[in-house]
Every structure is written in C-alpha cells, then in structure tokens.
Amino acid sequence: MKFRNLILVVCLVAVSATVGYEFGQQRLKWSFKNWKPAVVVNKLPTMAGKPSDVDFGLFWTVWDKMNSEYVDKTALDATKMVNGAISGMVAAVGDPYTVFLPPVENKEAKEDLGGSFEGVGIQLGFRDGHLAVVSPLEGMPAIKAGVRAGDYILHIKDTVKDVDRDTEGMSLPEAVKLIRGPKGSKVELELLHNNNGEKPYTVELTRETIVVKSVQLEILDDEVVWLKLNRFGDRTQDEWNEVVSKIQGSGSKIQGVVLDLRNNPGGYLEGAVYVAGEFLPAGKNVVSQQYGDGTKVDDAVKRNGRLLKKPLVVLVNKGSASASEILAGALQDYKRAKIVGEQSFGKGSVQQPEDFPGGAGLHVTIARWLRPNGEWIDKKGITPDVIVKYEPDENASDSADWKSDEQLLKAVEML
C-alpha cells in the first residue's frame, strides 16, 4: 500500500511537472507572440551607476495587453509606442529642457539652430513651469501681432491639424511641433502677458519661412556701433567675424559698441564663449559648468579679441536667455560693460544633444552653468546695472528711428 501511494505521488508530481511545463511554454508563447526583435531590453538596469530593482516585466505585460486586447489594431504603431515610452521616461525627471526627440522633432530642432524653418517666429521655453515665449523674433508674424517675451501660451488651435488643446503638461518638442507648420498655414494662440491684472488674448498667426540672421550691424550717428546678436547658432561665428571686420574697416571714428542681446534665446554655449573673447582678454573665465557629481569645468577665452578697448554697453530684456545670459553675465562680472534694460529670462542649465540611429535625439541637462562670480542665475536672470523698461511698437520696422527705442537710446547716451 505504501509502495502504491509512493508510485501515485511520483506519478502526480510527474504529471504536474509536465502540465506545468507545457502550460508555462504555452504562456510563454502567448506572452511573446507580439514581441518585436528590434526592441532591445536592458535586463539589468542601473541607476546612478548602481543596480536597480526595477522590474521591466510590467512594461512587457502592458505591451502584450495592448497588442492583444486594444480594440483598434490599426492604431498600434510599435515605433510610436516605443518612442512614447522613452519620452515618458525622460519626462519623468521633471526637467522641461531634458527631452527625447523622435526623428521629426530632432530634425526641427537642428533646423532651428541652423537659422531656417517654417513657423511664426517665437522661441519657446518654460516660466514657472508653464509654456512661455522666451523671445519673439524680429520682423516675424508673432512680434508683428503683439506677442511679447515672457507671454504665457495657454492654448493652441489649428483646424487643419485638428488641434484644439490647452498647453498644461505639454512638452517643449510637442509645443514646437504644434505651432510650426507649412508656410501660409494658420495657427491660433491664446496668450497671457506676463503682467498682473491683464486678461488672456488670442492671435491668429500665418506661418512664414523663418530665416534668422545671427548678427546684424548698424552704425548710429556715424560713431556708435549697434551690434544685434539674435542667437548662437550654426552660422553665428562666421557672421560675427564678418561684421567685426566691417567695424575694423570703419577706422578710429567709432566711439563705442552697443551689444544688443534682447530677445536672444541662446543656443550653443561655445558661441557665447567665442563672442565674449572679442571683449575680454585671453584667459578670463566666461562660464563654469557644474556637473551632478560636483565637478566643475571652466570655459575661458582662448583668443585675442579685436574690440578689447572699445567702450561697451549691453542690452538685455525678458527674452534674453541661456547663452546670451552667459555672455552678459561675464561682461558684467568683469566690469567690462554696463548692462541696460530689463531682468533677463533666467535659464541656467546646459543641455547636451545626442543623435541616435534612425534620426532620434536626446537633449539632456548635464550641468548648471555659473557666472564667473559663482552665481547660478536659473529662474533669476541677469539684473541690469541700469533698468529701462521698453515695449517696442509691433508695427514698426526693424530700421525705424532708433531714438524711439528707449533702451538703445540710453545705451548710446552712456557711451
């Protein structure tokens, strides 16, 4: 009897093991019937250099549930789903400037720094966690319609794109994608001026081809150079060298320089260091990058500038951000120039772009940048030595009488 019971138990164990094995194999087939071999999974994730106990099994469970149970199979796009998952992972750190860019958005970001794209002519960023206009570009549709630096963007509407959305929680690449579009098409924006007591207003903008020159030059009253630096992009260094050569060719009659950084949203940090080298002697530190581990790297002037002796005044406003704040802060700290205008935007972080196969990219915040005096200006901005408020006439042309520009007039008077 004991022997029969033992045989029965052994048989039951064997049957159970066989059934369990077959059932497990079948579940494995069910579980991975929609698995895409192009997707690479990190089985042993690490965080801050240490092994993480995150279970990626949940990701695959949800992936398979969507594939097997979602009602509209035509809406299941594996590439979009993976890109969406990566975007969500990157966004989870809570930094609006650390973003994953799918191929189309990555291409648009490069076009922006290249200085040519189709849109309404505004640089976007975040103020107090809300989508905002960093700066409207001179002569473009947005500034002509009265859009100002610092305006909050509350709502975006485009009937052709079938878009009618509030911007709360919207990422920067998504906002750029919705506002940009083909030349001649229209987009409607609801905005709020960054002033107490004002009500939101709505503008309908017709998109144009935006070609932005990095540097513009004008001689005022035959003796003061007005250098308008619009951005730090791909063409900035070449355009800068061209206009400085023209200044040198003007002879000794030039009495001073006004460097206009108003509505300059930034760009490449290297561009700010290069331009600073036109006014500061070699060896002077322009900016320090402070990394997450506490290490600090200084970016110093490495050349002999051609305008070292020229008196200098710098103009900034609410649209001056990032690399333009680096430049203004360095010139102020070394007392090389007086700063005139309004408090700048206050973006004090450094993003490193990286491209991936297939065209996608990642902009990740790798460091804070610090002024030569050690100050981190994030959310504070650069405080001018002389505060002059000025709202330009949106209907005026770029070449309008410069003496109606109160900030520029003050800068010239100081020179």
Protein backbone atom coordinates (compact mmCIF):
# COMPACT_ATOMS: atom_id res chain seq x y z
CA MET A 1 0.00 0.00 0.00
CA LYS A 2 2.81 2.41 0.92
CA PHE A 3 4.62 1.49 -2.31
CA ARG A 4 1.44 2.19 -4.39
CA ASN A 5 0.99 5.55 -2.64
CA LEU A 6 4.59 6.40 -3.37
CA ILE A 7 4.14 5.46 -7.03
CA LEU A 8 0.93 7.57 -7.17
CA VAL A 9 2.66 10.57 -5.63
CA VAL A 10 5.57 10.25 -8.07
CA CYS A 11 3.13 9.99 -10.98
CA LEU A 12 1.18 13.04 -9.79
CA VAL A 13 4.40 15.02 -9.44
CA ALA A 14 5.49 13.96 -12.92
CA VAL A 15 2.10 14.83 -14.44
CA SER A 16 2.06 18.16 -12.59
CA ALA A 17 5.56 18.96 -13.78
CA THR A 18 4.67 18.04 -17.36
CA VAL A 19 1.44 20.02 -17.33
CA GLY A 20 3.21 22.94 -15.64
CA TYR A 21 5.98 22.83 -18.20
CA GLU A 22 3.57 22.68 -21.13
CA PHE A 23 1.36 25.37 -19.61
CA GLY A 24 4.41 27.53 -18.98
CA GLN A 25 5.61 27.01 -22.53
CA GLN A 26 2.19 27.90 -23.88
CA ARG A 27 2.01 31.05 -21.70
CA LEU A 28 5.46 31.97 -22.93
CA LYS A 29 4.20 31.67 -26.49
CA TRP A 30 1.12 33.73 -25.65
CA SER A 31 3.16 36.31 -23.81
CA PHE A 32 5.67 36.90 -26.56
CA LYS A 33 3.62 36.29 -29.68
CA ASN A 34 3.80 40.04 -30.45
CA TRP A 35 7.40 40.56 -29.37
CA LYS A 36 9.40 42.77 -31.72
CA PRO A 37 13.03 41.67 -32.08
CA ALA A 38 14.11 45.24 -32.95
CA VAL A 39 13.40 46.34 -29.37
CA VAL A 40 16.36 45.90 -27.02
CA VAL A 41 15.61 45.40 -23.33
CA ASN A 42 18.10 46.10 -20.58
CA LYS A 43 17.60 43.08 -18.29
CA LEU A 44 19.76 44.55 -15.53
CA PRO A 45 19.00 48.29 -15.34
CA THR A 46 21.27 50.54 -13.34
CA MET A 47 20.54 53.92 -11.78
CA ALA A 48 23.33 56.34 -10.82
CA GLY A 49 25.84 53.57 -11.51
CA LYS A 50 24.18 51.05 -9.17
CA PRO A 51 21.95 48.06 -9.97
CA SER A 52 18.25 48.93 -9.88
CA ASP A 53 15.43 46.65 -8.73
CA VAL A 54 13.03 48.00 -11.37
CA ASP A 55 11.01 45.16 -12.90
CA PHE A 56 10.76 45.56 -16.67
CA GLY A 57 8.27 42.69 -16.70
CA LEU A 58 5.47 45.20 -16.16
CA PHE A 59 6.47 47.01 -19.35
CA TRP A 60 6.17 43.80 -21.35
CA THR A 61 2.91 42.86 -19.65
CA VAL A 62 1.36 46.17 -20.69
CA TRP A 63 2.91 45.90 -24.15
CA ASP A 64 1.31 42.48 -24.68
CA LYS A 65 -2.03 43.60 -23.23
CA MET A 66 -2.16 46.49 -25.70
CA ASN A 67 -1.24 44.22 -28.60
CA SER A 68 -3.73 41.54 -27.70
CA GLU A 69 -6.69 43.49 -26.34
CA TYR A 70 -6.74 47.06 -27.71
CA VAL A 71 -9.81 47.43 -29.90
CA ASP A 72 -8.31 49.36 -32.83
CA LYS A 73 -5.40 47.31 -34.14
CA THR A 74 -4.63 49.88 -36.85
CA ALA A 75 -3.70 52.39 -34.13
CA LEU A 76 -0.95 50.15 -32.75
CA ASP A 77 2.32 51.53 -34.08
CA ALA A 78 5.30 49.84 -32.45
CA THR A 79 7.72 52.67 -33.21
CA LYS A 80 5.41 55.34 -31.82
CA MET A 81 4.72 53.24 -28.73
CA VAL A 82 8.42 52.77 -28.00
CA ASN A 83 9.16 56.46 -28.65
CA GLY A 84 6.28 57.38 -26.36
CA ALA A 85 7.63 55.13 -23.62
CA ILE A 86 11.09 56.69 -23.93
CA SER A 87 9.63 60.21 -23.94
CA GLY A 88 7.70 59.44 -20.77
CA MET A 89 10.78 58.02 -19.07
CA VAL A 90 12.82 61.13 -19.87
CA ALA A 91 9.98 63.49 -18.88
CA ALA A 92 9.66 61.75 -15.50
CA VAL A 93 12.73 63.61 -14.18
CA GLY A 94 10.66 66.82 -14.25
CA ASP A 95 13.14 68.93 -16.25
CA PRO A 96 11.40 70.58 -19.23
CA TYR A 97 14.73 71.00 -21.03
CA THR A 98 15.66 67.31 -20.85
CA VAL A 99 13.72 65.77 -23.71
CA PHE A 100 13.70 62.80 -26.07
CA LEU A 101 13.19 63.89 -29.67
CA PRO A 102 11.75 61.45 -32.22
CA PRO A 103 13.23 61.89 -35.73
CA VAL A 104 10.88 64.65 -36.95
CA GLU A 105 11.24 66.75 -33.79
CA ASN A 106 15.02 66.23 -33.76
CA LYS A 107 15.24 67.47 -37.36
CA GLU A 108 13.19 70.57 -36.46
CA ALA A 109 15.46 71.35 -33.50
CA LYS A 110 18.51 71.28 -35.78
CA GLU A 111 16.78 73.49 -38.34
CA ASP A 112 16.07 76.00 -35.57
CA LEU A 113 19.75 76.33 -34.64
CA GLY A 114 20.60 76.36 -38.33
CA GLY A 115 18.54 79.53 -38.61
CA SER A 116 15.91 78.44 -41.17
CA PHE A 117 12.49 76.86 -40.61
CA GLU A 118 8.77 77.48 -41.16
CA GLY A 119 6.69 78.82 -38.31
CA VAL A 120 5.53 82.01 -36.58
CA GLY A 121 8.85 83.27 -35.24
CA ILE A 122 8.88 82.58 -31.50
CA GLN A 123 11.36 80.79 -29.28
CA LEU A 124 9.65 78.65 -26.63
CA GLY A 125 10.62 77.80 -23.07
CA PHE A 126 9.09 77.46 -19.60
CA ARG A 127 8.43 80.10 -16.97
CA ASP A 128 7.20 78.96 -13.55
CA GLY A 129 6.51 75.55 -15.07
CA HIS A 130 4.24 76.93 -17.81
CA LEU A 131 4.88 77.12 -21.54
CA ALA A 132 6.03 80.64 -22.41
CA VAL A 133 7.51 82.79 -25.13
CA VAL A 134 11.24 83.17 -24.50
CA SER A 135 11.54 85.66 -27.33
CA PRO A 136 9.66 86.70 -30.48
CA LEU A 137 11.93 87.05 -33.49
CA GLU A 138 12.29 90.46 -35.09
CA GLY A 139 10.13 91.07 -38.16
CA MET A 140 8.29 87.75 -37.87
CA PRO A 141 4.50 87.09 -37.61
CA ALA A 142 4.37 86.74 -33.81
CA ILE A 143 6.06 90.03 -32.92
CA LYS A 144 4.01 91.85 -35.57
CA ALA A 145 0.86 90.56 -33.83
CA GLY A 146 1.98 91.90 -30.45
CA VAL A 147 3.40 88.72 -28.90
CA ARG A 148 5.94 89.64 -26.21
CA ALA A 149 8.82 87.93 -24.47
CA GLY A 150 7.52 86.28 -21.29
CA ASP A 151 3.97 85.75 -22.56
CA TYR A 152 2.39 82.53 -21.30
CA ILE A 153 0.94 80.30 -24.04
CA LEU A 154 -2.34 78.89 -22.71
CA HIS A 155 -3.95 77.25 -25.73
CA ILE A 156 -3.08 76.17 -29.29
CA LYS A 157 -5.65 75.76 -32.04
CA ASP A 158 -5.09 74.62 -35.62
CA THR A 159 -8.15 73.40 -37.54
CA VAL A 160 -6.06 71.88 -40.36
CA LYS A 161 -4.01 69.81 -37.91
CA ASP A 162 -7.18 69.11 -35.89
CA VAL A 163 -5.53 70.58 -32.78
CA ASP A 164 -7.51 72.38 -30.07
CA ARG A 165 -5.55 71.94 -26.82
CA ASP A 166 -4.55 73.62 -23.61
CA THR A 167 -0.79 73.62 -23.04
CA GLU A 168 -0.85 72.43 -19.41
CA GLY A 169 1.54 69.48 -19.16
CA MET A 170 2.67 69.84 -22.79
CA SER A 171 6.34 69.13 -23.52
CA LEU A 172 8.56 71.57 -25.36
CA PRO A 173 9.02 69.40 -28.50
CA GLU A 174 5.27 68.80 -28.68
CA ALA A 175 4.54 72.53 -28.47
CA VAL A 176 7.11 73.29 -31.17
CA LYS A 177 5.57 70.64 -33.42
CA LEU A 178 2.05 72.04 -32.99
CA ILE A 179 2.99 75.69 -33.52
CA ARG A 180 5.23 75.13 -36.52
CA GLY A 181 3.83 74.21 -39.89
CA PRO A 182 3.92 74.86 -43.64
CA LYS A 183 4.27 78.40 -44.92
CA GLY A 184 0.86 80.03 -45.45
CA SER A 185 -0.99 77.86 -42.92
CA LYS A 186 -2.54 79.39 -39.80
CA VAL A 187 -2.36 78.70 -36.08
CA GLU A 188 -4.29 80.37 -33.27
CA LEU A 189 -2.65 81.01 -29.89
CA GLU A 190 -4.23 82.11 -26.64
CA LEU A 191 -1.66 84.04 -24.61
CA LEU A 192 -1.34 85.97 -21.38
CA HIS A 193 1.01 88.91 -21.00
CA ASN A 194 3.34 88.46 -18.04
CA ASN A 195 1.69 91.32 -16.14
CA ASN A 196 -0.72 91.31 -13.23
CA GLY A 197 -4.34 92.08 -13.98
CA GLU A 198 -4.25 91.50 -17.73
CA LYS A 199 -6.67 89.13 -19.43
CA PRO A 200 -5.69 86.45 -21.96
CA TYR A 201 -5.72 87.47 -25.60
CA THR A 202 -5.91 85.46 -28.82
CA VAL A 203 -3.90 85.92 -32.02
CA GLU A 204 -4.21 84.12 -35.34
CA LEU A 205 -0.80 83.84 -36.99
CA THR A 206 0.06 82.93 -40.56
CA ARG A 207 3.23 80.85 -40.73
CA GLU A 208 6.17 82.04 -42.81
CA THR A 209 9.62 80.81 -43.72
CA ILE A 210 11.78 81.99 -40.85
CA VAL A 211 15.36 82.82 -41.82
CA VAL A 212 17.18 84.32 -38.87
CA LYS A 213 20.49 86.12 -39.27
CA SER A 214 22.63 85.64 -36.20
CA VAL A 215 24.22 89.08 -36.32
CA GLN A 216 23.06 92.48 -37.59
CA LEU A 217 25.17 95.65 -37.79
CA GLU A 218 24.22 99.32 -37.92
CA ILE A 219 26.29 102.47 -37.33
CA LEU A 220 24.37 105.08 -35.31
CA ASP A 221 25.21 108.77 -35.78
CA ASP A 222 28.40 107.71 -37.56
CA GLU A 223 30.15 106.87 -34.29
CA VAL A 224 28.37 104.14 -32.31
CA VAL A 225 28.19 100.51 -33.45
CA TRP A 226 24.88 98.75 -32.82
CA LEU A 227 25.51 95.00 -32.91
CA LYS A 228 22.29 92.95 -32.71
CA LEU A 229 23.08 89.35 -31.79
CA ASN A 230 19.94 87.28 -32.37
CA ARG A 231 21.11 83.77 -31.44
CA PHE A 232 24.08 81.46 -31.07
CA GLY A 233 23.56 79.01 -33.93
CA ASP A 234 25.44 77.24 -36.69
CA ARG A 235 26.25 80.44 -38.62
CA THR A 236 26.90 82.79 -35.70
CA GLN A 237 30.70 82.67 -35.66
CA ASP A 238 31.09 83.31 -39.40
CA GLU A 239 28.54 86.16 -39.36
CA TRP A 240 30.14 87.66 -36.25
CA ASN A 241 33.60 87.68 -37.81
CA GLU A 242 32.21 89.32 -40.93
CA VAL A 243 30.63 92.25 -39.06
CA VAL A 244 33.63 92.75 -36.76
CA SER A 245 35.82 93.04 -39.85
CA LYS A 246 33.48 95.77 -41.10
CA ILE A 247 33.81 97.58 -37.77
CA GLN A 248 37.59 97.46 -38.03
CA GLY A 249 37.34 98.88 -41.53
CA SER A 250 35.39 101.86 -40.22
CA GLY A 251 38.54 103.36 -38.75
CA SER A 252 39.05 105.20 -35.48
CA LYS A 253 35.83 107.25 -35.64
CA ILE A 254 33.89 104.51 -33.81
CA GLN A 255 33.45 105.67 -30.20
CA GLY A 256 31.78 102.61 -28.70
CA VAL A 257 29.70 99.46 -29.16
CA VAL A 258 26.16 98.58 -28.11
CA LEU A 259 25.83 94.78 -27.96
CA ASP A 260 22.11 94.07 -28.22
CA LEU A 261 21.15 90.70 -26.70
CA ARG A 262 17.44 91.47 -26.39
CA ASN A 263 15.20 88.56 -27.39
CA ASN A 264 18.27 86.35 -27.89
CA PRO A 265 17.09 82.91 -26.66
CA GLY A 266 20.58 81.38 -26.56
CA GLY A 267 21.90 78.40 -28.47
CA TYR A 268 25.40 76.95 -28.43
CA LEU A 269 27.40 77.73 -25.30
CA GLU A 270 30.61 77.74 -27.38
CA GLY A 271 29.21 80.70 -29.32
CA ALA A 272 28.82 82.75 -26.15
CA VAL A 273 32.41 81.99 -25.13
CA TYR A 274 33.68 82.92 -28.60
CA VAL A 275 31.87 86.28 -28.67
CA ALA A 276 32.99 87.05 -25.11
CA GLY A 277 36.54 86.66 -26.39
CA GLU A 278 36.03 89.71 -28.60
CA PHE A 279 35.75 91.90 -25.50
CA LEU A 280 37.62 90.01 -22.74
CA PRO A 281 41.36 89.16 -22.70
CA ALA A 282 42.58 85.61 -23.18
CA GLY A 283 42.46 83.50 -20.03
CA LYS A 284 39.38 85.12 -18.49
CA ASN A 285 36.79 82.54 -17.46
CA VAL A 286 33.44 83.14 -19.19
CA VAL A 287 31.34 80.40 -17.61
CA SER A 288 31.72 77.37 -15.33
CA GLN A 289 29.79 74.15 -15.86
CA GLN A 290 28.97 72.37 -12.60
CA TYR A 291 28.08 68.69 -13.02
CA GLY A 292 25.98 66.39 -10.88
CA ASP A 293 29.00 64.87 -9.14
CA GLY A 294 30.15 68.31 -8.02
CA THR A 295 33.00 68.68 -10.51
CA LYS A 296 33.37 72.00 -12.29
CA VAL A 297 34.78 72.84 -15.72
CA ASP A 298 35.70 76.39 -16.71
CA ASP A 299 35.31 77.78 -20.24
CA ALA A 300 37.85 80.55 -20.68
CA VAL A 301 38.69 82.92 -23.53
CA LYS A 302 41.25 81.31 -25.83
CA ARG A 303 41.88 84.09 -28.36
CA ASN A 304 42.89 87.72 -28.71
CA GLY A 305 39.80 89.82 -29.38
CA ARG A 306 39.61 92.77 -31.78
CA LEU A 307 37.32 95.00 -29.68
CA LEU A 308 39.11 94.80 -26.34
CA LYS A 309 39.48 98.56 -25.97
CA LYS A 310 36.12 99.74 -27.31
CA PRO A 311 33.69 101.11 -24.69
CA LEU A 312 30.77 98.69 -24.39
CA VAL A 313 27.15 98.68 -23.24
CA VAL A 314 24.99 95.51 -23.36
CA LEU A 315 21.21 95.43 -23.77
CA VAL A 316 19.08 92.63 -22.27
CA ASN A 317 15.37 92.04 -21.69
CA LYS A 318 12.96 89.26 -20.67
CA GLY A 319 13.73 87.45 -23.92
CA SER A 320 17.48 87.21 -23.25
CA ALA A 321 18.13 83.63 -22.15
CA SER A 322 20.71 80.91 -21.71
CA ALA A 323 23.85 81.59 -23.80
CA SER A 324 23.03 85.30 -24.09
CA GLU A 325 22.82 85.47 -20.27
CA ILE A 326 26.20 83.73 -20.06
CA LEU A 327 27.72 86.44 -22.24
CA ALA A 328 26.03 89.34 -20.45
CA GLY A 329 26.88 87.93 -17.01
CA ALA A 330 30.56 87.53 -17.82
CA LEU A 331 30.88 91.05 -19.25
CA GLN A 332 29.13 92.44 -16.16
CA ASP A 333 31.19 90.46 -13.65
CA TYR A 334 34.50 91.66 -15.11
CA LYS A 335 33.11 95.22 -15.27
CA ARG A 336 33.83 95.21 -18.98
CA ALA A 337 30.36 96.55 -19.78
CA LYS A 338 27.32 98.13 -18.22
CA ILE A 339 24.08 96.19 -18.64
CA VAL A 340 20.98 98.18 -19.63
CA GLY A 341 17.36 97.03 -19.96
CA GLU A 342 15.20 94.60 -18.00
CA GLN A 343 15.71 91.42 -15.98
CA SER A 344 16.62 88.56 -18.30
CA PHE A 345 14.78 85.23 -18.62
CA GLY A 346 16.80 83.10 -16.18
CA LYS A 347 17.80 79.78 -17.78
CA GLY A 348 20.88 78.41 -16.06
CA SER A 349 21.29 74.83 -17.30
CA VAL A 350 23.40 73.22 -20.02
CA GLN A 351 21.92 70.65 -22.40
CA GLN A 352 23.97 68.15 -24.36
CA PRO A 353 22.43 66.94 -27.65
CA GLU A 354 22.99 63.39 -28.83
CA ASP A 355 21.78 61.73 -32.03
CA PHE A 356 20.75 58.09 -32.36
CA PRO A 357 20.44 55.74 -35.36
CA GLY A 358 17.19 56.38 -37.19
CA GLY A 359 17.21 60.13 -36.60
CA ALA A 360 16.01 60.39 -32.98
CA GLY A 361 17.86 62.50 -30.46
CA LEU A 362 18.16 63.31 -26.78
CA HIS A 363 18.73 66.69 -25.18
CA VAL A 364 19.80 66.02 -21.60
CA THR A 365 20.66 68.54 -18.91
CA ILE A 366 24.22 67.68 -17.92
CA ALA A 367 25.22 70.67 -15.82
CA ARG A 368 24.36 74.01 -14.29
CA TRP A 369 26.22 76.98 -15.62
CA LEU A 370 27.65 79.53 -13.21
CA ARG A 371 28.73 83.10 -13.81
CA PRO A 372 32.40 83.99 -13.16
CA ASN A 373 31.27 85.30 -9.74
CA GLY A 374 29.88 81.82 -8.95
CA GLU A 375 26.20 82.76 -9.16
CA TRP A 376 23.61 80.37 -10.66
CA ILE A 377 21.01 82.55 -12.39
CA ASP A 378 18.34 79.91 -13.03
CA LYS A 379 14.86 81.44 -12.59
CA LYS A 380 16.52 84.71 -11.53
CA GLY A 381 18.20 86.09 -14.62
CA ILE A 382 20.71 88.92 -15.07
CA THR A 383 19.93 92.16 -13.24
CA PRO A 384 20.83 95.23 -15.35
CA ASP A 385 23.02 97.99 -13.94
CA VAL A 386 20.53 100.47 -15.37
CA ILE A 387 16.88 99.38 -15.60
CA VAL A 388 14.95 100.82 -18.55
CA LYS A 389 11.55 99.37 -19.46
CA TYR A 390 10.55 99.44 -23.09
CA GLU A 391 7.78 97.83 -25.16
CA PRO A 392 8.51 98.18 -28.88
CA ASP A 393 5.85 99.14 -31.40
CA GLU A 394 4.98 95.85 -33.09
CA ASN A 395 4.09 97.71 -36.26
CA ALA A 396 7.45 99.48 -36.51
CA SER A 397 10.05 98.20 -38.95
CA ASP A 398 13.48 97.00 -37.85
CA SER A 399 15.04 100.13 -39.34
CA ALA A 400 12.66 102.55 -37.58
CA ASP A 401 14.12 105.63 -35.88
CA TRP A 402 16.38 104.12 -33.22
CA LYS A 403 15.87 107.16 -30.97
CA SER A 404 12.36 105.91 -30.21
CA ASP A 405 13.95 102.80 -28.64
CA GLU A 406 14.36 103.95 -25.04
CA GLN A 407 16.77 101.19 -24.06
CA LEU A 408 19.00 101.67 -27.08
CA LEU A 409 18.89 105.45 -26.65
CA LYS A 410 20.04 105.10 -23.03
CA ALA A 411 22.91 102.81 -24.08
CA VAL A 412 24.11 105.32 -26.67
CA GLU A 413 23.91 108.14 -24.13
CA MET A 414 26.06 106.15 -21.69
CA LEU A 415 28.72 105.70 -24.37
